[in-house]
Amino acid sequence: FTNIINALQALDKTYSNSEIVRKILRCLPKSWIPKVLAIEEAKNLNILPLEDLLGSLMTYELSIQKKDDDEEKEKKKKKIVALKPSLIEDFEDDDDENEELALI
């Protein structure tokens, strides 16, 4: 986005900081609507520096990724492990030995 803005400035088309901030907020996916609303409510978009906006969005993205990673780890921990049954013959041999010992 900044590359496009810089290229447009070279062509004498400039945008104000508030226009750039608003364009970035408008182009975010629907899953980011809560964050966009929080930024719009908490900060004055007319004076919000672009760097601050990008930093806030990057922090939010990292926290979402961390939460997703934690949820994935929890799912892996909850996997059920089934044990392979041993042969029945082994148990019969043990019973015979136990009976012989009992007789002694």
C-alpha atoms as a PDB file:
ATOM      1  CA  PHE A   1       0.000   0.000   0.000  1.00  0.00           C
ATOM      2  CA  THR A   2       2.770   2.422   0.882  1.00  0.00           C
ATOM      3  CA  ASN A   3       4.511   1.588  -2.402  1.00  0.00           C
ATOM      4  CA  ILE A   4       1.350   2.590  -4.286  1.00  0.00           C
ATOM      5  CA  ILE A   5       1.020   5.795  -2.269  1.00  0.00           C
ATOM      6  CA  ASN A   6       4.666   6.669  -2.904  1.00  0.00           C
ATOM      7  CA  ALA A   7       4.286   5.993  -6.630  1.00  0.00           C
ATOM      8  CA  LEU A   8       1.214   8.216  -6.718  1.00  0.00           C
ATOM      9  CA  GLN A   9       3.141  10.986  -4.954  1.00  0.00           C
ATOM     10  CA  ALA A  10       5.745  10.775  -7.728  1.00  0.00           C
ATOM     11  CA  LEU A  11       2.862  11.431 -10.149  1.00  0.00           C
ATOM     12  CA  ASP A  12       1.740  14.458  -8.088  1.00  0.00           C
ATOM     13  CA  LYS A  13      -1.268  12.696  -6.593  1.00  0.00           C
ATOM     14  CA  THR A  14      -1.113  13.041  -2.835  1.00  0.00           C
ATOM     15  CA  TYR A  15      -3.378  11.819  -0.072  1.00  0.00           C
ATOM     16  CA  SER A  16      -3.624  13.231   3.413  1.00  0.00           C
ATOM     17  CA  ASN A  17      -2.675  11.047   6.369  1.00  0.00           C
ATOM     18  CA  SER A  18      -6.308  10.737   7.456  1.00  0.00           C
ATOM     19  CA  GLU A  19      -7.338   9.584   3.958  1.00  0.00           C
ATOM     20  CA  ILE A  20      -4.621   6.915   3.979  1.00  0.00           C
ATOM     21  CA  VAL A  21      -5.633   5.712   7.460  1.00  0.00           C
ATOM     22  CA  ARG A  22      -9.302   5.493   6.457  1.00  0.00           C
ATOM     23  CA  LYS A  23      -8.471   3.617   3.234  1.00  0.00           C
ATOM     24  CA  ILE A  24      -6.451   1.040   5.148  1.00  0.00           C
ATOM     25  CA  LEU A  25      -9.233   0.519   7.691  1.00  0.00           C
ATOM     26  CA  ARG A  26     -11.808   0.127   4.900  1.00  0.00           C
ATOM     27  CA  CYS A  27      -9.820  -2.550   3.075  1.00  0.00           C
ATOM     28  CA  LEU A  28      -9.402  -4.881   6.072  1.00  0.00           C
ATOM     29  CA  PRO A  29     -11.338  -8.193   5.997  1.00  0.00           C
ATOM     30  CA  LYS A  30     -14.630  -8.646   7.848  1.00  0.00           C
ATOM     31  CA  SER A  31     -12.968 -10.621  10.631  1.00  0.00           C
ATOM     32  CA  TRP A  32     -11.138  -7.406  11.597  1.00  0.00           C
ATOM     33  CA  ILE A  33     -14.315  -5.316  12.037  1.00  0.00           C
ATOM     34  CA  PRO A  34     -14.123  -5.361  15.868  1.00  0.00           C
ATOM     35  CA  LYS A  35     -10.565  -3.986  15.756  1.00  0.00           C
ATOM     36  CA  VAL A  36     -11.501  -1.359  13.154  1.00  0.00           C
ATOM     37  CA  LEU A  37     -14.417  -0.194  15.282  1.00  0.00           C
ATOM     38  CA  ALA A  38     -12.214  -0.047  18.372  1.00  0.00           C
ATOM     39  CA  ILE A  39      -9.638   2.092  16.557  1.00  0.00           C
ATOM     40  CA  GLU A  40     -12.304   4.402  15.140  1.00  0.00           C
ATOM     41  CA  GLU A  41     -13.887   4.879  18.564  1.00  0.00           C
ATOM     42  CA  ALA A  42     -10.705   5.271  20.582  1.00  0.00           C
ATOM     43  CA  LYS A  43      -8.578   7.404  18.291  1.00  0.00           C
ATOM     44  CA  ASN A  44      -8.956  10.534  16.239  1.00  0.00           C
ATOM     45  CA  LEU A  45      -8.411   9.329  12.670  1.00  0.00           C
ATOM     46  CA  ASN A  46      -7.633  12.863  11.493  1.00  0.00           C
ATOM     47  CA  ILE A  47      -4.403  12.961  13.519  1.00  0.00           C
ATOM     48  CA  LEU A  48      -3.597   9.235  13.860  1.00  0.00           C
ATOM     49  CA  PRO A  49      -0.124   8.627  12.358  1.00  0.00           C
ATOM     50  CA  LEU A  50       0.072   5.847   9.779  1.00  0.00           C
ATOM     51  CA  GLU A  51       2.895   4.174  11.724  1.00  0.00           C
ATOM     52  CA  ASP A  52       0.735   3.968  14.857  1.00  0.00           C
ATOM     53  CA  LEU A  53      -2.120   2.424  12.896  1.00  0.00           C
ATOM     54  CA  LEU A  54       0.149  -0.161  11.277  1.00  0.00           C
ATOM     55  CA  GLY A  55       1.752  -0.991  14.625  1.00  0.00           C
ATOM     56  CA  SER A  56      -1.651  -1.499  16.224  1.00  0.00           C
ATOM     57  CA  LEU A  57      -2.819  -3.735  13.379  1.00  0.00           C
ATOM     58  CA  MET A  58       0.373  -5.811  13.469  1.00  0.00           C
ATOM     59  CA  THR A  59       0.024  -6.312  17.222  1.00  0.00           C
ATOM     60  CA  TYR A  60      -3.575  -7.422  16.769  1.00  0.00           C
ATOM     61  CA  GLU A  61      -2.564  -9.851  14.023  1.00  0.00           C
ATOM     62  CA  LEU A  62       0.135 -11.392  16.228  1.00  0.00           C
ATOM     63  CA  SER A  63      -2.293 -11.834  19.108  1.00  0.00           C
ATOM     64  CA  ILE A  64      -4.789 -13.578  16.791  1.00  0.00           C
ATOM     65  CA  GLN A  65      -2.061 -15.913  15.516  1.00  0.00           C
ATOM     66  CA  LYS A  66      -0.938 -16.710  19.063  1.00  0.00           C
ATOM     67  CA  LYS A  67      -4.499 -17.489  20.105  1.00  0.00           C
ATOM     68  CA  ASP A  68      -4.974 -19.769  17.084  1.00  0.00           C
ATOM     69  CA  ASP A  69      -1.676 -21.540  17.824  1.00  0.00           C
ATOM     70  CA  ASP A  70      -2.688 -22.059  21.467  1.00  0.00           C
ATOM     71  CA  GLU A  71      -6.044 -23.504  20.428  1.00  0.00           C
ATOM     72  CA  GLU A  72      -4.328 -25.861  17.989  1.00  0.00           C
ATOM     73  CA  LYS A  73      -1.936 -27.050  20.712  1.00  0.00           C
ATOM     74  CA  GLU A  74      -4.898 -27.732  23.024  1.00  0.00           C
ATOM     75  CA  LYS A  75      -6.574 -29.807  20.340  1.00  0.00           C
ATOM     76  CA  LYS A  76      -3.419 -31.877  19.890  1.00  0.00           C
ATOM     77  CA  LYS A  77      -3.179 -32.467  23.648  1.00  0.00           C
ATOM     78  CA  LYS A  78      -6.742 -33.755  23.762  1.00  0.00           C
ATOM     79  CA  LYS A  79      -6.173 -36.490  21.192  1.00  0.00           C
ATOM     80  CA  ILE A  80      -7.091 -39.936  22.492  1.00  0.00           C
ATOM     81  CA  VAL A  81      -4.460 -42.602  22.214  1.00  0.00           C
ATOM     82  CA  ALA A  82      -5.672 -46.171  21.833  1.00  0.00           C
ATOM     83  CA  LEU A  83      -3.430 -48.965  23.039  1.00  0.00           C
ATOM     84  CA  LYS A  84      -2.908 -51.986  20.875  1.00  0.00           C
ATOM     85  CA  PRO A  85      -4.287 -55.108  22.594  1.00  0.00           C
ATOM     86  CA  SER A  86      -1.851 -57.927  23.226  1.00  0.00           C
ATOM     87  CA  LEU A  87      -2.497 -61.464  22.103  1.00  0.00           C
ATOM     88  CA  ILE A  88      -4.864 -63.573  24.167  1.00  0.00           C
ATOM     89  CA  GLU A  89      -2.411 -66.467  24.039  1.00  0.00           C
ATOM     90  CA  ASP A  90      -0.005 -64.513  26.250  1.00  0.00           C
ATOM     91  CA  PHE A  91      -2.638 -64.337  28.948  1.00  0.00           C
ATOM     92  CA  GLU A  92      -3.361 -68.070  28.717  1.00  0.00           C
ATOM     93  CA  ASP A  93       0.343 -68.899  29.151  1.00  0.00           C
ATOM     94  CA  ASP A  94       0.495 -66.662  32.220  1.00  0.00           C
ATOM     95  CA  ASP A  95      -2.556 -68.397  33.689  1.00  0.00           C
ATOM     96  CA  ASP A  96      -0.963 -71.829  33.204  1.00  0.00           C
ATOM     97  CA  GLU A  97       2.229 -70.685  34.940  1.00  0.00           C
ATOM     98  CA  ASN A  98       0.225 -69.174  37.781  1.00  0.00           C
ATOM     99  CA  GLU A  99      -1.701 -72.411  38.252  1.00  0.00           C
ATOM    100  CA  GLU A 100       1.549 -74.434  38.377  1.00  0.00           C
ATOM    101  CA  LEU A 101       2.973 -72.056  40.983  1.00  0.00           C
ATOM    102  CA  ALA A 102      -0.214 -72.336  42.993  1.00  0.00           C
ATOM    103  CA  LEU A 103       0.045 -76.123  43.029  1.00  0.00           C
ATOM    104  CA  ILE A 104       3.610 -75.979  44.306  1.00  0.00           C
END
